[in-house]
Amino acid sequence: MYNTLIRNIIRFVVLVIMQVLVFDNIRFGSYIHPYVYVLFVMLLPFNFTKARLLIDGFLIGMAVDIFSGTPGLNAAATVFMAFMRPYIIGLTTRQSDIEGKNFPTVTEMGLQWFAIYGILLLLLHNLVLFWLEAFSIKLFGLILLETLLSSIVSLLIILLIIYLFKPIKK
């Protein structure tokens, strides 16, 4: 429990710093915006309550909002993503597949599962974020394009981060 808390605090701080100082300043074009801070919510333990997921999602989203100057946009999108996370896990796995497993990681669940899980959560997060940012139904086509491209690039960067910082098995 204590080890998980320390790991989550470190992950929270590192992902917020990476998002604000690195990824918010990277532009791959006008429609691609990588969001890696959502990895924090993705990697929270399976046994977290819905309330805990929502609180943690709000905290990391608000932290990014504070440093990025986007009042509540990331917080709203991340809370929605955290709200949908149990449903996405239920959609992509059977209960028997997660019994005895603590975290939704590539190591415990496999790359294929994590890629599907990750892209679904990223699509939900980015759709809400870009829709709130544009706040117009007229731009729905552009919002969908931006959501799709940003989600794919974000997932690729997240997978790269996971493999770069994967603990070495002894």
N, C-alpha and C. Protein backbone atom coordinates (compact mmCIF):
# COMPACT_ATOMS: atom_id res chain seq x y z
N MET A 1 0.83 -1.20 0.00
CA MET A 1 0.00 0.00 0.00
C MET A 1 0.87 1.26 0.00
N TYR A 2 1.83 1.30 0.93
CA TYR A 2 2.70 2.46 1.05
C TYR A 2 3.55 2.61 -0.21
N ASN A 3 4.06 1.48 -0.72
CA ASN A 3 4.87 1.48 -1.93
C ASN A 3 4.06 2.00 -3.12
N THR A 4 2.80 1.60 -3.23
CA THR A 4 1.92 2.06 -4.31
C THR A 4 1.67 3.56 -4.21
N LEU A 5 1.47 4.05 -2.99
CA LEU A 5 1.24 5.48 -2.78
C LEU A 5 2.46 6.30 -3.23
N ILE A 6 3.64 5.89 -2.82
CA ILE A 6 4.86 6.61 -3.20
C ILE A 6 5.05 6.56 -4.71
N ARG A 7 4.83 5.39 -5.31
CA ARG A 7 4.97 5.23 -6.77
C ARG A 7 3.99 6.14 -7.49
N ASN A 8 2.75 6.23 -7.00
CA ASN A 8 1.75 7.09 -7.65
C ASN A 8 2.07 8.57 -7.50
N ILE A 9 2.59 8.96 -6.35
CA ILE A 9 2.98 10.37 -6.15
C ILE A 9 4.11 10.74 -7.11
N ILE A 10 5.11 9.88 -7.22
CA ILE A 10 6.23 10.14 -8.13
C ILE A 10 5.73 10.17 -9.57
N ARG A 11 4.89 9.21 -9.94
CA ARG A 11 4.34 9.16 -11.30
C ARG A 11 3.54 10.43 -11.60
N PHE A 12 2.73 10.89 -10.63
CA PHE A 12 1.94 12.11 -10.77
C PHE A 12 2.83 13.30 -11.09
N VAL A 13 3.85 13.50 -10.28
CA VAL A 13 4.74 14.65 -10.43
C VAL A 13 5.51 14.58 -11.75
N VAL A 14 6.06 13.42 -12.06
CA VAL A 14 6.85 13.27 -13.29
C VAL A 14 5.99 13.48 -14.53
N LEU A 15 4.78 12.92 -14.55
CA LEU A 15 3.92 13.07 -15.73
C LEU A 15 3.43 14.51 -15.90
N VAL A 16 3.13 15.19 -14.81
CA VAL A 16 2.73 16.60 -14.92
C VAL A 16 3.89 17.43 -15.45
N ILE A 17 5.08 17.21 -14.92
CA ILE A 17 6.26 17.95 -15.39
C ILE A 17 6.53 17.66 -16.86
N MET A 18 6.47 16.38 -17.25
CA MET A 18 6.70 16.03 -18.65
C MET A 18 5.66 16.67 -19.56
N GLN A 19 4.38 16.64 -19.14
CA GLN A 19 3.32 17.21 -19.96
C GLN A 19 3.50 18.72 -20.13
N VAL A 20 3.75 19.40 -19.03
CA VAL A 20 3.80 20.86 -19.06
C VAL A 20 5.07 21.39 -19.71
N LEU A 21 6.20 20.79 -19.39
CA LEU A 21 7.47 21.32 -19.90
C LEU A 21 7.86 20.76 -21.26
N VAL A 22 7.44 19.56 -21.58
CA VAL A 22 7.86 18.95 -22.84
C VAL A 22 6.72 18.86 -23.84
N PHE A 23 5.69 18.09 -23.52
CA PHE A 23 4.68 17.75 -24.51
C PHE A 23 3.73 18.90 -24.84
N ASP A 24 3.52 19.84 -23.94
CA ASP A 24 2.71 21.01 -24.29
C ASP A 24 3.43 21.93 -25.27
N ASN A 25 4.75 21.77 -25.38
CA ASN A 25 5.53 22.61 -26.27
C ASN A 25 5.89 21.92 -27.58
N ILE A 26 5.46 20.69 -27.75
CA ILE A 26 5.71 19.95 -28.99
C ILE A 26 4.46 20.04 -29.87
N ARG A 27 4.67 20.42 -31.11
CA ARG A 27 3.57 20.44 -32.06
C ARG A 27 4.00 19.64 -33.28
N PHE A 28 3.24 18.61 -33.59
CA PHE A 28 3.49 17.79 -34.76
C PHE A 28 2.65 18.26 -35.93
N GLY A 29 2.08 19.40 -35.83
CA GLY A 29 1.14 19.93 -36.81
C GLY A 29 0.02 20.59 -36.03
N SER A 30 -0.92 21.14 -36.72
CA SER A 30 -1.97 21.86 -36.01
C SER A 30 -3.04 20.94 -35.44
N TYR A 31 -3.02 19.65 -35.78
CA TYR A 31 -4.06 18.73 -35.31
C TYR A 31 -3.56 17.65 -34.36
N ILE A 32 -2.28 17.66 -34.03
CA ILE A 32 -1.74 16.61 -33.16
C ILE A 32 -1.19 17.24 -31.90
N HIS A 33 -1.78 16.87 -30.78
CA HIS A 33 -1.36 17.36 -29.47
C HIS A 33 -1.22 16.16 -28.54
N PRO A 34 0.01 15.76 -28.23
CA PRO A 34 0.18 14.57 -27.38
C PRO A 34 -0.15 14.86 -25.91
N TYR A 35 -0.92 13.96 -25.32
CA TYR A 35 -1.26 14.05 -23.89
C TYR A 35 -0.82 12.77 -23.21
N VAL A 36 0.26 12.87 -22.44
CA VAL A 36 0.79 11.68 -21.77
C VAL A 36 0.45 11.66 -20.28
N TYR A 37 0.01 12.76 -19.72
CA TYR A 37 -0.29 12.79 -18.30
C TYR A 37 -1.45 11.85 -17.94
N VAL A 38 -2.27 11.50 -18.93
CA VAL A 38 -3.39 10.60 -18.68
C VAL A 38 -2.92 9.18 -18.33
N LEU A 39 -1.65 8.89 -18.58
CA LEU A 39 -1.08 7.60 -18.20
C LEU A 39 -1.24 7.37 -16.70
N PHE A 40 -1.23 8.45 -15.93
CA PHE A 40 -1.43 8.33 -14.48
C PHE A 40 -2.74 7.63 -14.17
N VAL A 41 -3.82 8.06 -14.79
CA VAL A 41 -5.14 7.45 -14.55
C VAL A 41 -5.18 6.04 -15.12
N MET A 42 -4.56 5.85 -16.27
CA MET A 42 -4.56 4.53 -16.90
C MET A 42 -3.92 3.46 -16.02
N LEU A 43 -2.87 3.84 -15.28
CA LEU A 43 -2.10 2.87 -14.51
C LEU A 43 -2.54 2.73 -13.06
N LEU A 44 -3.61 3.42 -12.66
CA LEU A 44 -4.09 3.26 -11.29
C LEU A 44 -4.56 1.83 -11.07
N PRO A 45 -4.46 1.33 -9.84
CA PRO A 45 -4.83 -0.07 -9.57
C PRO A 45 -6.28 -0.39 -9.93
N PHE A 46 -6.50 -1.66 -10.25
CA PHE A 46 -7.85 -2.13 -10.58
C PHE A 46 -8.82 -1.93 -9.42
N ASN A 47 -8.32 -2.06 -8.19
CA ASN A 47 -9.21 -2.06 -7.03
C ASN A 47 -9.55 -0.66 -6.51
N PHE A 48 -9.15 0.39 -7.19
CA PHE A 48 -9.51 1.73 -6.75
C PHE A 48 -11.02 1.92 -6.90
N THR A 49 -11.61 2.60 -5.94
CA THR A 49 -13.04 2.90 -6.03
C THR A 49 -13.28 3.95 -7.11
N LYS A 50 -14.53 4.05 -7.56
CA LYS A 50 -14.86 5.05 -8.57
C LYS A 50 -14.60 6.46 -8.05
N ALA A 51 -14.91 6.68 -6.78
CA ALA A 51 -14.68 8.00 -6.19
C ALA A 51 -13.19 8.34 -6.20
N ARG A 52 -12.35 7.38 -5.86
CA ARG A 52 -10.91 7.61 -5.85
C ARG A 52 -10.39 7.88 -7.26
N LEU A 53 -10.91 7.16 -8.24
CA LEU A 53 -10.52 7.40 -9.63
C LEU A 53 -10.88 8.83 -10.05
N LEU A 54 -12.09 9.26 -9.70
CA LEU A 54 -12.53 10.61 -10.08
C LEU A 54 -11.69 11.69 -9.40
N ILE A 55 -11.38 11.49 -8.13
CA ILE A 55 -10.55 12.45 -7.39
C ILE A 55 -9.16 12.53 -7.99
N ASP A 56 -8.54 11.37 -8.22
CA ASP A 56 -7.20 11.36 -8.80
C ASP A 56 -7.20 11.95 -10.21
N GLY A 57 -8.23 11.65 -11.00
CA GLY A 57 -8.35 12.23 -12.33
C GLY A 57 -8.48 13.75 -12.27
N PHE A 58 -9.30 14.22 -11.35
CA PHE A 58 -9.45 15.66 -11.19
C PHE A 58 -8.14 16.32 -10.77
N LEU A 59 -7.44 15.72 -9.82
CA LEU A 59 -6.20 16.31 -9.32
C LEU A 59 -5.13 16.44 -10.40
N ILE A 60 -4.94 15.37 -11.19
CA ILE A 60 -3.90 15.48 -12.22
C ILE A 60 -4.35 16.40 -13.34
N GLY A 61 -5.62 16.36 -13.69
CA GLY A 61 -6.12 17.28 -14.72
C GLY A 61 -6.01 18.73 -14.30
N MET A 62 -6.34 19.00 -13.04
CA MET A 62 -6.25 20.38 -12.55
C MET A 62 -4.80 20.83 -12.44
N ALA A 63 -3.90 19.92 -12.06
CA ALA A 63 -2.48 20.27 -12.00
C ALA A 63 -1.98 20.70 -13.39
N VAL A 64 -2.35 19.96 -14.40
CA VAL A 64 -1.95 20.32 -15.77
C VAL A 64 -2.62 21.64 -16.17
N ASP A 65 -3.89 21.83 -15.80
CA ASP A 65 -4.59 23.08 -16.11
C ASP A 65 -3.91 24.28 -15.47
N ILE A 66 -3.50 24.14 -14.24
CA ILE A 66 -2.87 25.26 -13.53
C ILE A 66 -1.59 25.70 -14.24
N PHE A 67 -0.77 24.73 -14.66
CA PHE A 67 0.49 25.07 -15.29
C PHE A 67 0.36 25.37 -16.78
N SER A 68 -0.73 24.98 -17.40
CA SER A 68 -0.91 25.20 -18.84
C SER A 68 -1.81 26.39 -19.15
N GLY A 69 -2.50 26.93 -18.15
CA GLY A 69 -3.38 28.05 -18.38
C GLY A 69 -4.66 27.67 -19.10
N THR A 70 -5.12 26.46 -18.90
CA THR A 70 -6.38 26.00 -19.50
C THR A 70 -7.36 25.74 -18.37
N PRO A 71 -8.18 26.72 -18.02
CA PRO A 71 -9.01 26.63 -16.82
C PRO A 71 -10.06 25.52 -16.84
N GLY A 72 -9.69 24.37 -16.32
CA GLY A 72 -10.64 23.28 -16.14
C GLY A 72 -10.81 22.34 -17.31
N LEU A 73 -10.21 22.62 -18.45
CA LEU A 73 -10.41 21.77 -19.62
C LEU A 73 -9.83 20.37 -19.40
N ASN A 74 -8.57 20.32 -18.98
CA ASN A 74 -7.94 19.02 -18.74
C ASN A 74 -8.59 18.30 -17.57
N ALA A 75 -8.97 19.04 -16.55
CA ALA A 75 -9.63 18.42 -15.40
C ALA A 75 -10.94 17.77 -15.81
N ALA A 76 -11.74 18.46 -16.60
CA ALA A 76 -13.02 17.90 -17.04
C ALA A 76 -12.81 16.66 -17.90
N ALA A 77 -11.89 16.73 -18.83
CA ALA A 77 -11.63 15.59 -19.73
C ALA A 77 -11.07 14.41 -18.96
N THR A 78 -10.21 14.66 -17.99
CA THR A 78 -9.60 13.57 -17.23
C THR A 78 -10.60 12.96 -16.26
N VAL A 79 -11.47 13.75 -15.68
CA VAL A 79 -12.52 13.21 -14.82
C VAL A 79 -13.46 12.33 -15.64
N PHE A 80 -13.81 12.76 -16.85
CA PHE A 80 -14.65 11.93 -17.71
C PHE A 80 -13.95 10.62 -18.05
N MET A 81 -12.66 10.71 -18.35
CA MET A 81 -11.89 9.50 -18.65
C MET A 81 -11.84 8.57 -17.45
N ALA A 82 -11.62 9.13 -16.26
CA ALA A 82 -11.59 8.32 -15.03
C ALA A 82 -12.96 7.70 -14.76
N PHE A 83 -14.03 8.43 -15.06
CA PHE A 83 -15.38 7.91 -14.90
C PHE A 83 -15.63 6.71 -15.83
N MET A 84 -15.14 6.81 -17.04
CA MET A 84 -15.37 5.76 -18.04
C MET A 84 -14.41 4.58 -17.89
N ARG A 85 -13.32 4.74 -17.16
CA ARG A 85 -12.29 3.69 -17.04
C ARG A 85 -12.85 2.34 -16.60
N PRO A 86 -13.68 2.25 -15.54
CA PRO A 86 -14.21 0.92 -15.16
C PRO A 86 -15.05 0.28 -16.27
N TYR A 87 -15.77 1.09 -17.03
CA TYR A 87 -16.57 0.56 -18.13
C TYR A 87 -15.69 0.05 -19.27
N ILE A 88 -14.61 0.77 -19.55
CA ILE A 88 -13.67 0.34 -20.59
C ILE A 88 -12.97 -0.94 -20.16
N ILE A 89 -12.59 -1.03 -18.89
CA ILE A 89 -11.98 -2.27 -18.40
C ILE A 89 -12.97 -3.43 -18.52
N GLY A 90 -14.22 -3.18 -18.15
CA GLY A 90 -15.26 -4.20 -18.28
C GLY A 90 -15.53 -4.59 -19.72
N LEU A 91 -15.40 -3.64 -20.62
CA LEU A 91 -15.63 -3.88 -22.04
C LEU A 91 -14.50 -4.70 -22.66
N THR A 92 -13.29 -4.48 -22.19
CA THR A 92 -12.13 -5.11 -22.81
C THR A 92 -11.64 -6.38 -22.11
N THR A 93 -12.17 -6.69 -20.93
CA THR A 93 -11.72 -7.88 -20.20
C THR A 93 -12.88 -8.58 -19.51
N ARG A 94 -12.63 -9.83 -19.19
CA ARG A 94 -13.55 -10.57 -18.33
C ARG A 94 -13.05 -10.43 -16.90
N GLN A 95 -13.94 -10.53 -15.95
CA GLN A 95 -13.56 -10.42 -14.54
C GLN A 95 -12.49 -11.45 -14.19
N SER A 96 -12.59 -12.63 -14.75
CA SER A 96 -11.62 -13.69 -14.45
C SER A 96 -10.22 -13.33 -14.95
N ASP A 97 -10.12 -12.48 -15.97
CA ASP A 97 -8.82 -12.08 -16.51
C ASP A 97 -8.06 -11.13 -15.59
N ILE A 98 -8.78 -10.39 -14.75
CA ILE A 98 -8.09 -9.44 -13.88
C ILE A 98 -7.97 -9.93 -12.45
N GLU A 99 -8.54 -11.09 -12.13
CA GLU A 99 -8.40 -11.63 -10.79
C GLU A 99 -6.93 -11.97 -10.55
N GLY A 100 -6.43 -11.56 -9.41
CA GLY A 100 -5.03 -11.80 -9.07
C GLY A 100 -4.07 -10.78 -9.67
N LYS A 101 -4.60 -9.84 -10.43
CA LYS A 101 -3.75 -8.79 -11.02
C LYS A 101 -4.10 -7.47 -10.35
N ASN A 102 -3.08 -6.66 -10.15
CA ASN A 102 -3.28 -5.41 -9.41
C ASN A 102 -3.39 -4.18 -10.30
N PHE A 103 -2.65 -4.16 -11.39
CA PHE A 103 -2.54 -2.95 -12.19
C PHE A 103 -2.82 -3.24 -13.67
N PRO A 104 -3.42 -2.29 -14.37
CA PRO A 104 -3.64 -2.46 -15.81
C PRO A 104 -2.39 -2.06 -16.61
N THR A 105 -1.36 -2.86 -16.52
CA THR A 105 -0.10 -2.55 -17.18
C THR A 105 0.13 -3.48 -18.35
N VAL A 106 1.08 -3.12 -19.19
CA VAL A 106 1.47 -3.97 -20.31
C VAL A 106 2.02 -5.29 -19.78
N THR A 107 2.78 -5.23 -18.71
CA THR A 107 3.38 -6.44 -18.14
C THR A 107 2.32 -7.41 -17.64
N GLU A 108 1.30 -6.92 -16.95
CA GLU A 108 0.29 -7.80 -16.37
C GLU A 108 -0.80 -8.20 -17.36
N MET A 109 -1.16 -7.32 -18.29
CA MET A 109 -2.31 -7.58 -19.15
C MET A 109 -1.93 -7.85 -20.62
N GLY A 110 -0.74 -7.50 -21.01
CA GLY A 110 -0.31 -7.72 -22.39
C GLY A 110 -0.42 -6.46 -23.23
N LEU A 111 0.40 -6.40 -24.26
CA LEU A 111 0.46 -5.21 -25.12
C LEU A 111 -0.83 -4.99 -25.89
N GLN A 112 -1.41 -6.05 -26.44
CA GLN A 112 -2.63 -5.89 -27.23
C GLN A 112 -3.76 -5.34 -26.38
N TRP A 113 -3.94 -5.89 -25.18
CA TRP A 113 -5.00 -5.40 -24.29
C TRP A 113 -4.75 -3.95 -23.93
N PHE A 114 -3.50 -3.64 -23.55
CA PHE A 114 -3.20 -2.28 -23.11
C PHE A 114 -3.39 -1.28 -24.25
N ALA A 115 -3.04 -1.67 -25.47
CA ALA A 115 -3.21 -0.76 -26.61
C ALA A 115 -4.69 -0.46 -26.86
N ILE A 116 -5.54 -1.47 -26.78
CA ILE A 116 -6.98 -1.25 -26.96
C ILE A 116 -7.54 -0.40 -25.82
N TYR A 117 -7.19 -0.76 -24.59
CA TYR A 117 -7.61 -0.02 -23.39
C TYR A 117 -7.14 1.43 -23.48
N GLY A 118 -5.88 1.62 -23.84
CA GLY A 118 -5.31 2.96 -23.91
C GLY A 118 -5.94 3.82 -24.99
N ILE A 119 -6.15 3.24 -26.18
CA ILE A 119 -6.70 4.05 -27.27
C ILE A 119 -8.15 4.44 -26.98
N LEU A 120 -8.91 3.54 -26.36
CA LEU A 120 -10.30 3.89 -26.01
C LEU A 120 -10.34 5.03 -24.99
N LEU A 121 -9.50 4.94 -23.95
CA LEU A 121 -9.47 6.01 -22.95
C LEU A 121 -8.97 7.32 -23.56
N LEU A 122 -7.96 7.25 -24.39
CA LEU A 122 -7.44 8.46 -25.03
C LEU A 122 -8.47 9.09 -25.96
N LEU A 123 -9.19 8.28 -26.71
CA LEU A 123 -10.23 8.82 -27.59
C LEU A 123 -11.30 9.55 -26.79
N LEU A 124 -11.72 8.98 -25.67
CA LEU A 124 -12.72 9.62 -24.82
C LEU A 124 -12.18 10.93 -24.24
N HIS A 125 -10.97 10.88 -23.70
CA HIS A 125 -10.35 12.06 -23.10
C HIS A 125 -10.20 13.17 -24.13
N ASN A 126 -9.62 12.84 -25.26
CA ASN A 126 -9.34 13.86 -26.27
C ASN A 126 -10.61 14.42 -26.90
N LEU A 127 -11.61 13.58 -27.09
CA LEU A 127 -12.87 14.08 -27.65
C LEU A 127 -13.50 15.13 -26.72
N VAL A 128 -13.54 14.84 -25.44
CA VAL A 128 -14.10 15.81 -24.48
C VAL A 128 -13.23 17.06 -24.43
N LEU A 129 -11.92 16.89 -24.37
CA LEU A 129 -11.01 18.03 -24.27
C LEU A 129 -11.13 18.95 -25.48
N PHE A 130 -11.07 18.38 -26.67
CA PHE A 130 -11.11 19.22 -27.88
C PHE A 130 -12.50 19.82 -28.11
N TRP A 131 -13.53 19.10 -27.71
CA TRP A 131 -14.88 19.63 -27.87
C TRP A 131 -15.10 20.81 -26.92
N LEU A 132 -14.63 20.67 -25.69
CA LEU A 132 -14.75 21.78 -24.74
C LEU A 132 -13.91 22.97 -25.20
N GLU A 133 -12.76 22.68 -25.76
CA GLU A 133 -11.88 23.75 -26.23
C GLU A 133 -12.51 24.50 -27.40
N ALA A 134 -13.09 23.79 -28.35
CA ALA A 134 -13.72 24.43 -29.51
C ALA A 134 -15.09 24.98 -29.16
N PHE A 135 -15.83 24.26 -28.34
CA PHE A 135 -17.18 24.61 -27.90
C PHE A 135 -18.08 24.99 -29.06
N SER A 136 -18.01 24.15 -30.11
CA SER A 136 -18.84 24.40 -31.29
C SER A 136 -19.14 23.09 -31.99
N ILE A 137 -20.38 22.89 -32.36
CA ILE A 137 -20.78 21.71 -33.11
C ILE A 137 -20.37 21.84 -34.57
N LYS A 138 -20.16 23.07 -35.04
CA LYS A 138 -19.77 23.30 -36.43
C LYS A 138 -18.40 22.71 -36.74
N LEU A 139 -17.57 22.61 -35.73
CA LEU A 139 -16.20 22.12 -35.92
C LEU A 139 -16.07 20.63 -35.61
N PHE A 140 -17.18 19.90 -35.61
CA PHE A 140 -17.17 18.50 -35.19
C PHE A 140 -16.22 17.65 -36.03
N GLY A 141 -16.14 17.87 -37.32
CA GLY A 141 -15.23 17.11 -38.18
C GLY A 141 -13.78 17.33 -37.80
N LEU A 142 -13.42 18.58 -37.56
CA LEU A 142 -12.05 18.89 -37.15
C LEU A 142 -11.76 18.34 -35.75
N ILE A 143 -12.76 18.39 -34.88
CA ILE A 143 -12.59 17.85 -33.53
C ILE A 143 -12.33 16.34 -33.62
N LEU A 144 -13.07 15.64 -34.46
CA LEU A 144 -12.85 14.20 -34.63
C LEU A 144 -11.47 13.90 -35.20
N LEU A 145 -11.05 14.67 -36.19
CA LEU A 145 -9.72 14.49 -36.77
C LEU A 145 -8.63 14.71 -35.73
N GLU A 146 -8.75 15.80 -34.99
CA GLU A 146 -7.78 16.13 -33.95
C GLU A 146 -7.77 15.05 -32.86
N THR A 147 -8.96 14.56 -32.50
CA THR A 147 -9.08 13.51 -31.49
C THR A 147 -8.38 12.25 -31.95
N LEU A 148 -8.64 11.82 -33.16
CA LEU A 148 -8.06 10.59 -33.68
C LEU A 148 -6.54 10.68 -33.79
N LEU A 149 -6.04 11.73 -34.42
CA LEU A 149 -4.60 11.88 -34.61
C LEU A 149 -3.87 12.04 -33.27
N SER A 150 -4.41 12.86 -32.39
CA SER A 150 -3.77 13.07 -31.09
C SER A 150 -3.78 11.80 -30.24
N SER A 151 -4.84 11.03 -30.33
CA SER A 151 -4.94 9.79 -29.55
C SER A 151 -3.92 8.77 -30.02
N ILE A 152 -3.75 8.64 -31.32
CA ILE A 152 -2.78 7.68 -31.86
C ILE A 152 -1.36 8.07 -31.46
N VAL A 153 -1.02 9.33 -31.64
CA VAL A 153 0.33 9.80 -31.29
C VAL A 153 0.55 9.70 -29.78
N SER A 154 -0.46 10.06 -28.99
CA SER A 154 -0.33 9.95 -27.53
C SER A 154 -0.09 8.51 -27.11
N LEU A 155 -0.83 7.57 -27.70
CA LEU A 155 -0.65 6.16 -27.36
C LEU A 155 0.75 5.68 -27.70
N LEU A 156 1.25 6.07 -28.85
CA LEU A 156 2.61 5.67 -29.24
C LEU A 156 3.65 6.22 -28.26
N ILE A 157 3.49 7.47 -27.85
CA ILE A 157 4.42 8.07 -26.90
C ILE A 157 4.29 7.39 -25.53
N ILE A 158 3.06 7.10 -25.11
CA ILE A 158 2.83 6.41 -23.83
C ILE A 158 3.49 5.04 -23.84
N LEU A 159 3.34 4.30 -24.93
CA LEU A 159 3.97 2.98 -25.02
C LEU A 159 5.49 3.10 -24.99
N LEU A 160 6.03 4.12 -25.64
CA LEU A 160 7.47 4.36 -25.60
C LEU A 160 7.92 4.66 -24.17
N ILE A 161 7.17 5.49 -23.46
CA ILE A 161 7.50 5.81 -22.06
C ILE A 161 7.45 4.55 -21.21
N ILE A 162 6.41 3.73 -21.40
CA ILE A 162 6.28 2.50 -20.62
C ILE A 162 7.48 1.59 -20.83
N TYR A 163 7.90 1.43 -22.08
CA TYR A 163 9.02 0.54 -22.36
C TYR A 163 10.36 1.13 -21.94
N LEU A 164 10.48 2.46 -21.96
CA LEU A 164 11.72 3.08 -21.49
C LEU A 164 11.89 2.98 -19.99
N PHE A 165 10.78 3.05 -19.25
CA PHE A 165 10.85 3.05 -17.79
C PHE A 165 10.34 1.75 -17.18
N LYS A 166 10.30 0.70 -17.98
CA LYS A 166 9.85 -0.61 -17.50
C LYS A 166 10.88 -1.15 -16.52
N PRO A 167 10.41 -1.60 -15.34
CA PRO A 167 11.36 -2.16 -14.38
C PRO A 167 12.03 -3.43 -14.92
N ILE A 168 13.29 -3.54 -14.65
CA ILE A 168 14.06 -4.69 -15.11
C ILE A 168 13.81 -5.85 -14.15
N LYS A 169 13.41 -7.00 -14.72
CA LYS A 169 13.16 -8.19 -13.90
C LYS A 169 14.48 -8.85 -13.56
N LYS A 170 14.58 -9.28 -12.31
CA LYS A 170 15.82 -9.94 -11.86
C LYS A 170 15.70 -11.43 -11.97
